[in-house]
Amino acid sequence: MAETSDHGEGAGPPRVVVIDDSTVIRGGFATVHPGLDVIATYAAVEDFEAHPVACDVVVLDLLLRRPEPQAPSSAKQGRAAIRTVRDLGYRICIYTDERRSLVLALCLRAGADGVVHKSDPPEVAVQAVRDIRQGQVVVTQSLVGLTELLDRRGATLELSPRQRQVISARARGRHWKDLAATLYITEGVAREHYQAACVKLRHYLRDTSPGDIERAVGIGPGDLFDDE
């Protein structure tokens, strides 16, 4: 069970734990992201399991390997790592170089609350963690495109017409100000529609059978969920 943070949602900078096998990232994350309060870093999920700390969000890399040559490889990375941290009761922000939309979709299915890329500007990662602390879902551009693809192929996302318009515009790289003006709504309302669509994507991925997801994205049975 997670040791809950005593910080209220929105009070002060988010308290984060960073789990990454790179000593450079662990050592420099706080400096690069001054808007976050990095209270602890770990090289492996197993280390975090053994010595958990209270935090708002766990920033988790997907590929984790033990840095010590004599130590065995970490048994928990990818979806196994996400499930472990999720089951401990923490909110999770995936911090990765991975860009394949289906792989990132599986992260949401496994229990992640959002995804950001290591190449993103620091302010993007900071905002993502803030949003996740507030209970929002954070997705990358590739996942926006996947949302549109699933919707066009008849997946039961149940997007409203306005949510569909916003997702379509964002999938094509339209900026918030531009798409809001085109749809005659405010940027705030556009973001609300976008967030609602992101939540529906996560619910769809978590609640839909593997076979139905595979059919919706047009791949063969077992290709995506071979380890489920």
C-alpha atoms as a PDB file:
ATOM      1  CA  MET A   1       0.000   0.000   0.000  1.00  0.00           C
ATOM      2  CA  ALA A   2       1.325   3.450  -0.861  1.00  0.00           C
ATOM      3  CA  GLU A   3       2.500   5.815   1.812  1.00  0.00           C
ATOM      4  CA  THR A   4       0.288   8.739   0.887  1.00  0.00           C
ATOM      5  CA  SER A   5       1.762  12.193   0.545  1.00  0.00           C
ATOM      6  CA  ASP A   6       0.719  14.822   3.078  1.00  0.00           C
ATOM      7  CA  HIS A   7       0.686  17.393   0.274  1.00  0.00           C
ATOM      8  CA  GLY A   8      -2.811  18.275  -0.886  1.00  0.00           C
ATOM      9  CA  GLU A   9      -3.465  18.161  -4.604  1.00  0.00           C
ATOM     10  CA  GLY A  10      -2.271  21.453  -6.053  1.00  0.00           C
ATOM     11  CA  ALA A  11      -0.428  22.517  -2.863  1.00  0.00           C
ATOM     12  CA  GLY A  12       3.207  23.282  -3.644  1.00  0.00           C
ATOM     13  CA  PRO A  13       5.367  21.518  -6.222  1.00  0.00           C
ATOM     14  CA  PRO A  14       4.473  17.859  -6.836  1.00  0.00           C
ATOM     15  CA  ARG A  15       6.551  15.434  -4.790  1.00  0.00           C
ATOM     16  CA  VAL A  16       7.970  12.808  -7.114  1.00  0.00           C
ATOM     17  CA  VAL A  17      10.001   9.641  -6.984  1.00  0.00           C
ATOM     18  CA  VAL A  18      12.149   8.903 -10.044  1.00  0.00           C
ATOM     19  CA  ILE A  19      12.830   5.283 -11.024  1.00  0.00           C
ATOM     20  CA  ASP A  20      15.393   5.107 -13.828  1.00  0.00           C
ATOM     21  CA  ASP A  21      18.479   2.959 -14.328  1.00  0.00           C
ATOM     22  CA  SER A  22      20.460   5.917 -15.733  1.00  0.00           C
ATOM     23  CA  THR A  23      22.659   7.548 -13.108  1.00  0.00           C
ATOM     24  CA  VAL A  24      22.693  10.702 -15.239  1.00  0.00           C
ATOM     25  CA  ILE A  25      18.902  11.001 -15.195  1.00  0.00           C
ATOM     26  CA  ARG A  26      18.631  10.173 -11.511  1.00  0.00           C
ATOM     27  CA  GLY A  27      21.336  12.669 -10.652  1.00  0.00           C
ATOM     28  CA  GLY A  28      20.118  15.479 -12.873  1.00  0.00           C
ATOM     29  CA  PHE A  29      16.328  15.137 -12.878  1.00  0.00           C
ATOM     30  CA  ALA A  30      15.759  17.602 -10.055  1.00  0.00           C
ATOM     31  CA  THR A  31      18.077  20.187 -11.616  1.00  0.00           C
ATOM     32  CA  VAL A  32      16.444  19.941 -15.037  1.00  0.00           C
ATOM     33  CA  HIS A  33      12.921  19.986 -13.551  1.00  0.00           C
ATOM     34  CA  PRO A  34      12.998  22.642 -10.806  1.00  0.00           C
ATOM     35  CA  GLY A  35       9.196  22.726 -10.736  1.00  0.00           C
ATOM     36  CA  LEU A  36       9.167  19.271  -9.141  1.00  0.00           C
ATOM     37  CA  ASP A  37      10.207  18.206  -5.658  1.00  0.00           C
ATOM     38  CA  VAL A  38      12.298  15.072  -6.220  1.00  0.00           C
ATOM     39  CA  ILE A  39      12.284  13.350  -2.855  1.00  0.00           C
ATOM     40  CA  ALA A  40      13.973  10.073  -3.849  1.00  0.00           C
ATOM     41  CA  THR A  41      15.438   8.222  -6.833  1.00  0.00           C
ATOM     42  CA  TYR A  42      15.811   4.498  -7.457  1.00  0.00           C
ATOM     43  CA  ALA A  43      17.575   2.396 -10.073  1.00  0.00           C
ATOM     44  CA  ALA A  44      14.976  -0.383 -10.003  1.00  0.00           C
ATOM     45  CA  VAL A  45      11.367  -1.015  -9.047  1.00  0.00           C
ATOM     46  CA  GLU A  46      12.511  -3.708  -6.617  1.00  0.00           C
ATOM     47  CA  ASP A  47      14.469  -1.082  -4.679  1.00  0.00           C
ATOM     48  CA  PHE A  48      11.382   1.103  -4.489  1.00  0.00           C
ATOM     49  CA  GLU A  49       9.276  -1.845  -3.317  1.00  0.00           C
ATOM     50  CA  ALA A  50      11.740  -2.483  -0.502  1.00  0.00           C
ATOM     51  CA  HIS A  51      11.948   1.165   0.581  1.00  0.00           C
ATOM     52  CA  PRO A  52       8.869   3.109  -0.607  1.00  0.00           C
ATOM     53  CA  VAL A  53       8.366   6.766   0.285  1.00  0.00           C
ATOM     54  CA  ALA A  54       5.342   9.046   0.248  1.00  0.00           C
ATOM     55  CA  CYS A  55       4.957  10.984  -3.002  1.00  0.00           C
ATOM     56  CA  ASP A  56       2.389  12.381  -5.401  1.00  0.00           C
ATOM     57  CA  VAL A  57       3.649  10.776  -8.616  1.00  0.00           C
ATOM     58  CA  VAL A  58       6.197   8.111  -9.550  1.00  0.00           C
ATOM     59  CA  VAL A  59       8.183   9.024 -12.671  1.00  0.00           C
ATOM     60  CA  LEU A  60       9.005   5.642 -14.201  1.00  0.00           C
ATOM     61  CA  ASP A  61      11.258   4.618 -17.078  1.00  0.00           C
ATOM     62  CA  LEU A  62      10.113   1.619 -19.142  1.00  0.00           C
ATOM     63  CA  LEU A  63      13.466  -0.132 -19.578  1.00  0.00           C
ATOM     64  CA  LEU A  64      15.177  -0.840 -16.267  1.00  0.00           C
ATOM     65  CA  ARG A  65      18.421  -2.761 -15.845  1.00  0.00           C
ATOM     66  CA  ARG A  66      20.544  -3.167 -12.751  1.00  0.00           C
ATOM     67  CA  PRO A  67      23.592  -0.894 -13.046  1.00  0.00           C
ATOM     68  CA  GLU A  68      25.904  -3.219 -11.072  1.00  0.00           C
ATOM     69  CA  PRO A  69      27.585  -5.807 -13.343  1.00  0.00           C
ATOM     70  CA  GLN A  70      27.413  -8.442 -10.634  1.00  0.00           C
ATOM     71  CA  ALA A  71      23.722  -7.900  -9.946  1.00  0.00           C
ATOM     72  CA  PRO A  72      20.992  -9.809 -11.774  1.00  0.00           C
ATOM     73  CA  SER A  73      18.908  -7.944 -14.313  1.00  0.00           C
ATOM     74  CA  SER A  74      15.796  -6.337 -12.938  1.00  0.00           C
ATOM     75  CA  ALA A  75      12.869  -8.712 -13.282  1.00  0.00           C
ATOM     76  CA  LYS A  76      10.440  -5.810 -13.394  1.00  0.00           C
ATOM     77  CA  GLN A  77      10.348  -3.376 -16.258  1.00  0.00           C
ATOM     78  CA  GLY A  78       7.781  -2.315 -18.818  1.00  0.00           C
ATOM     79  CA  ARG A  79       4.241  -3.370 -17.976  1.00  0.00           C
ATOM     80  CA  ALA A  80       5.365  -5.528 -15.049  1.00  0.00           C
ATOM     81  CA  ALA A  81       6.968  -2.480 -13.450  1.00  0.00           C
ATOM     82  CA  ILE A  82       3.867  -0.366 -14.077  1.00  0.00           C
ATOM     83  CA  ARG A  83       1.610  -2.958 -12.473  1.00  0.00           C
ATOM     84  CA  THR A  84       3.851  -3.232  -9.442  1.00  0.00           C
ATOM     85  CA  VAL A  85       3.890   0.520  -8.814  1.00  0.00           C
ATOM     86  CA  ARG A  86       0.164   0.758  -9.534  1.00  0.00           C
ATOM     87  CA  ASP A  87      -0.613  -2.032  -7.071  1.00  0.00           C
ATOM     88  CA  LEU A  88       1.356  -0.141  -4.415  1.00  0.00           C
ATOM     89  CA  GLY A  89      -1.163   2.673  -4.863  1.00  0.00           C
ATOM     90  CA  TYR A  90       0.889   5.311  -6.682  1.00  0.00           C
ATOM     91  CA  ARG A  91       0.079   7.481  -9.668  1.00  0.00           C
ATOM     92  CA  ILE A  92       2.503   6.877 -12.535  1.00  0.00           C
ATOM     93  CA  CYS A  93       4.044   9.085 -15.200  1.00  0.00           C
ATOM     94  CA  ILE A  94       5.980   7.077 -17.782  1.00  0.00           C
ATOM     95  CA  TYR A  95       9.211   8.879 -18.746  1.00  0.00           C
ATOM     96  CA  THR A  96      10.634   7.208 -21.828  1.00  0.00           C
ATOM     97  CA  ASP A  97      12.267   7.333 -25.253  1.00  0.00           C
ATOM     98  CA  GLU A  98       9.637   4.878 -26.553  1.00  0.00           C
ATOM     99  CA  ARG A  99       7.411   6.372 -29.262  1.00  0.00           C
ATOM    100  CA  ARG A 100       5.460   3.407 -30.665  1.00  0.00           C
ATOM    101  CA  SER A 101       1.833   4.246 -30.041  1.00  0.00           C
ATOM    102  CA  LEU A 102       0.735   0.672 -29.323  1.00  0.00           C
ATOM    103  CA  VAL A 103       3.486   0.184 -26.755  1.00  0.00           C
ATOM    104  CA  LEU A 104       2.479   3.411 -25.035  1.00  0.00           C
ATOM    105  CA  ALA A 105      -1.177   2.387 -25.179  1.00  0.00           C
ATOM    106  CA  LEU A 106      -0.275  -0.791 -23.315  1.00  0.00           C
ATOM    107  CA  CYS A 107       1.304   1.388 -20.621  1.00  0.00           C
ATOM    108  CA  LEU A 108      -2.055   3.064 -20.061  1.00  0.00           C
ATOM    109  CA  ARG A 109      -3.751  -0.328 -20.052  1.00  0.00           C
ATOM    110  CA  ALA A 110      -1.298  -1.578 -17.424  1.00  0.00           C
ATOM    111  CA  GLY A 111      -2.098   1.313 -15.110  1.00  0.00           C
ATOM    112  CA  ALA A 112       0.012   4.342 -16.062  1.00  0.00           C
ATOM    113  CA  ASP A 113      -1.678   7.723 -15.735  1.00  0.00           C
ATOM    114  CA  GLY A 114       0.339   9.442 -18.424  1.00  0.00           C
ATOM    115  CA  VAL A 115       3.315   9.371 -20.768  1.00  0.00           C
ATOM    116  CA  VAL A 116       5.989  11.953 -21.552  1.00  0.00           C
ATOM    117  CA  HIS A 117       9.176  11.651 -23.588  1.00  0.00           C
ATOM    118  CA  LYS A 118      12.671  12.262 -22.300  1.00  0.00           C
ATOM    119  CA  SER A 119      13.254  14.538 -25.287  1.00  0.00           C
ATOM    120  CA  ASP A 120      10.318  16.781 -24.325  1.00  0.00           C
ATOM    121  CA  PRO A 121      11.145  20.231 -22.915  1.00  0.00           C
ATOM    122  CA  PRO A 122      11.365  20.120 -19.100  1.00  0.00           C
ATOM    123  CA  GLU A 123       8.271  22.273 -18.740  1.00  0.00           C
ATOM    124  CA  VAL A 124       6.247  19.598 -20.574  1.00  0.00           C
ATOM    125  CA  ALA A 125       7.259  16.935 -18.074  1.00  0.00           C
ATOM    126  CA  VAL A 126       6.597  19.268 -15.138  1.00  0.00           C
ATOM    127  CA  GLN A 127       3.114  20.084 -16.396  1.00  0.00           C
ATOM    128  CA  ALA A 128       2.415  16.406 -17.056  1.00  0.00           C
ATOM    129  CA  VAL A 129       3.267  15.517 -13.466  1.00  0.00           C
ATOM    130  CA  ARG A 130       1.121  18.375 -12.181  1.00  0.00           C
ATOM    131  CA  ASP A 131      -1.804  17.177 -14.284  1.00  0.00           C
ATOM    132  CA  ILE A 132      -1.373  13.579 -13.142  1.00  0.00           C
ATOM    133  CA  ARG A 133      -1.309  14.699  -9.515  1.00  0.00           C
ATOM    134  CA  GLN A 134      -4.689  16.339 -10.194  1.00  0.00           C
ATOM    135  CA  GLY A 135      -6.061  13.041 -11.523  1.00  0.00           C
ATOM    136  CA  GLN A 136      -5.813  13.843 -15.223  1.00  0.00           C
ATOM    137  CA  VAL A 137      -4.618  11.565 -18.031  1.00  0.00           C
ATOM    138  CA  VAL A 138      -1.598  12.732 -20.034  1.00  0.00           C
ATOM    139  CA  VAL A 139      -0.933  11.356 -23.509  1.00  0.00           C
ATOM    140  CA  THR A 140       1.650  11.990 -26.206  1.00  0.00           C
ATOM    141  CA  GLN A 141       0.995  13.048 -29.783  1.00  0.00           C
ATOM    142  CA  SER A 142       1.243   9.451 -30.987  1.00  0.00           C
ATOM    143  CA  LEU A 143      -1.504   8.392 -28.574  1.00  0.00           C
ATOM    144  CA  VAL A 144      -3.707  11.207 -29.820  1.00  0.00           C
ATOM    145  CA  GLY A 145      -3.327   9.732 -33.297  1.00  0.00           C
ATOM    146  CA  LEU A 146      -4.146   6.266 -31.971  1.00  0.00           C
ATOM    147  CA  THR A 147      -7.289   7.629 -30.335  1.00  0.00           C
ATOM    148  CA  GLU A 148      -8.451   9.001 -33.665  1.00  0.00           C
ATOM    149  CA  LEU A 149      -7.584   5.726 -35.425  1.00  0.00           C
ATOM    150  CA  LEU A 150      -9.519   3.630 -32.912  1.00  0.00           C
ATOM    151  CA  ASP A 151     -12.511   5.931 -33.189  1.00  0.00           C
ATOM    152  CA  ARG A 152     -12.493   5.809 -36.994  1.00  0.00           C
ATOM    153  CA  ARG A 153     -12.342   2.013 -36.903  1.00  0.00           C
ATOM    154  CA  GLY A 154     -15.414   1.728 -34.733  1.00  0.00           C
ATOM    155  CA  ALA A 155     -13.889   1.214 -31.296  1.00  0.00           C
ATOM    156  CA  THR A 156     -16.377   1.921 -28.510  1.00  0.00           C
ATOM    157  CA  LEU A 157     -14.678   5.076 -27.250  1.00  0.00           C
ATOM    158  CA  GLU A 158     -18.014   6.912 -27.199  1.00  0.00           C
ATOM    159  CA  LEU A 159     -16.451  10.259 -28.102  1.00  0.00           C
ATOM    160  CA  SER A 160     -18.823  13.176 -28.396  1.00  0.00           C
ATOM    161  CA  PRO A 161     -18.844  15.113 -31.701  1.00  0.00           C
ATOM    162  CA  ARG A 162     -16.890  17.959 -30.086  1.00  0.00           C
ATOM    163  CA  GLN A 163     -14.350  15.600 -28.515  1.00  0.00           C
ATOM    164  CA  ARG A 164     -13.899  13.989 -31.921  1.00  0.00           C
ATOM    165  CA  GLN A 165     -13.253  17.387 -33.514  1.00  0.00           C
ATOM    166  CA  VAL A 166     -10.672  18.357 -30.889  1.00  0.00           C
ATOM    167  CA  ILE A 167      -8.854  15.019 -31.092  1.00  0.00           C
ATOM    168  CA  SER A 168      -8.766  15.217 -34.883  1.00  0.00           C
ATOM    169  CA  ALA A 169      -7.304  18.721 -34.751  1.00  0.00           C
ATOM    170  CA  ARG A 170      -4.692  17.802 -32.138  1.00  0.00           C
ATOM    171  CA  ALA A 171      -3.725  14.655 -34.063  1.00  0.00           C
ATOM    172  CA  ARG A 172      -2.814  16.966 -36.938  1.00  0.00           C
ATOM    173  CA  GLY A 173      -0.739  19.248 -34.757  1.00  0.00           C
ATOM    174  CA  ARG A 174      -3.199  22.138 -34.537  1.00  0.00           C
ATOM    175  CA  HIS A 175      -2.374  24.550 -31.728  1.00  0.00           C
ATOM    176  CA  TRP A 176      -4.924  25.177 -28.991  1.00  0.00           C
ATOM    177  CA  LYS A 177      -5.574  28.795 -29.955  1.00  0.00           C
ATOM    178  CA  ASP A 178      -6.093  27.902 -33.608  1.00  0.00           C
ATOM    179  CA  LEU A 179      -8.417  24.947 -33.046  1.00  0.00           C
ATOM    180  CA  ALA A 180     -10.408  26.843 -30.415  1.00  0.00           C
ATOM    181  CA  ALA A 181     -10.992  29.706 -32.828  1.00  0.00           C
ATOM    182  CA  THR A 182     -11.988  27.280 -35.585  1.00  0.00           C
ATOM    183  CA  LEU A 183     -14.523  25.535 -33.322  1.00  0.00           C
ATOM    184  CA  TYR A 184     -15.758  28.810 -31.764  1.00  0.00           C
ATOM    185  CA  ILE A 185     -14.920  27.724 -28.240  1.00  0.00           C
ATOM    186  CA  THR A 186     -12.393  28.879 -25.664  1.00  0.00           C
ATOM    187  CA  GLU A 187      -9.021  27.189 -25.231  1.00  0.00           C
ATOM    188  CA  GLY A 188     -10.131  26.075 -21.777  1.00  0.00           C
ATOM    189  CA  VAL A 189     -13.201  24.340 -23.165  1.00  0.00           C
ATOM    190  CA  ALA A 190     -11.092  22.750 -25.922  1.00  0.00           C
ATOM    191  CA  ARG A 191      -8.729  21.340 -23.300  1.00  0.00           C
ATOM    192  CA  GLU A 192     -11.662  19.994 -21.299  1.00  0.00           C
ATOM    193  CA  HIS A 193     -12.948  18.114 -24.370  1.00  0.00           C
ATOM    194  CA  TYR A 194      -9.422  16.832 -25.010  1.00  0.00           C
ATOM    195  CA  GLN A 195      -8.986  15.590 -21.444  1.00  0.00           C
ATOM    196  CA  ALA A 196     -12.379  13.876 -21.528  1.00  0.00           C
ATOM    197  CA  ALA A 197     -11.335  12.047 -24.700  1.00  0.00           C
ATOM    198  CA  CYS A 198      -8.044  10.985 -23.094  1.00  0.00           C
ATOM    199  CA  VAL A 199      -9.912   9.556 -20.114  1.00  0.00           C
ATOM    200  CA  LYS A 200     -12.184   7.631 -22.469  1.00  0.00           C
ATOM    201  CA  LEU A 201      -9.120   6.221 -24.248  1.00  0.00           C
ATOM    202  CA  ARG A 202      -7.686   4.931 -20.976  1.00  0.00           C
ATOM    203  CA  HIS A 203     -11.030   3.423 -19.946  1.00  0.00           C
ATOM    204  CA  TYR A 204     -11.366   1.758 -23.341  1.00  0.00           C
ATOM    205  CA  LEU A 205      -7.886   0.236 -23.125  1.00  0.00           C
ATOM    206  CA  ARG A 206      -8.462  -1.044 -19.587  1.00  0.00           C
ATOM    207  CA  ASP A 207     -11.993  -2.343 -20.094  1.00  0.00           C
ATOM    208  CA  THR A 208     -11.830  -3.826 -23.609  1.00  0.00           C
ATOM    209  CA  SER A 209     -10.712  -7.391 -24.273  1.00  0.00           C
ATOM    210  CA  PRO A 210      -7.297  -7.911 -25.874  1.00  0.00           C
ATOM    211  CA  GLY A 211      -8.905  -9.464 -28.935  1.00  0.00           C
ATOM    212  CA  ASP A 212     -11.199  -6.499 -29.484  1.00  0.00           C
ATOM    213  CA  ILE A 213      -8.312  -4.041 -29.199  1.00  0.00           C
ATOM    214  CA  GLU A 214      -6.237  -6.049 -31.664  1.00  0.00           C
ATOM    215  CA  ARG A 215      -9.086  -6.141 -34.146  1.00  0.00           C
ATOM    216  CA  ALA A 216      -9.655  -2.409 -33.760  1.00  0.00           C
ATOM    217  CA  VAL A 217      -6.051  -1.534 -34.578  1.00  0.00           C
ATOM    218  CA  GLY A 218      -5.895  -4.079 -37.384  1.00  0.00           C
ATOM    219  CA  ILE A 219      -3.304  -6.572 -36.149  1.00  0.00           C
ATOM    220  CA  GLY A 220      -3.368 -10.323 -35.793  1.00  0.00           C
ATOM    221  CA  PRO A 221      -4.614 -12.158 -32.682  1.00  0.00           C
ATOM    222  CA  GLY A 222      -1.891 -12.446 -30.052  1.00  0.00           C
ATOM    223  CA  ASP A 223       0.496 -10.033 -31.765  1.00  0.00           C
ATOM    224  CA  LEU A 224      -0.043  -7.305 -29.196  1.00  0.00           C
ATOM    225  CA  PHE A 225      -0.942  -9.217 -26.053  1.00  0.00           C
ATOM    226  CA  ASP A 226       1.404 -12.174 -26.300  1.00  0.00           C
ATOM    227  CA  ASP A 227       2.455 -11.767 -22.667  1.00  0.00           C
ATOM    228  CA  GLU A 228      -0.939 -10.983 -21.181  1.00  0.00           C
END
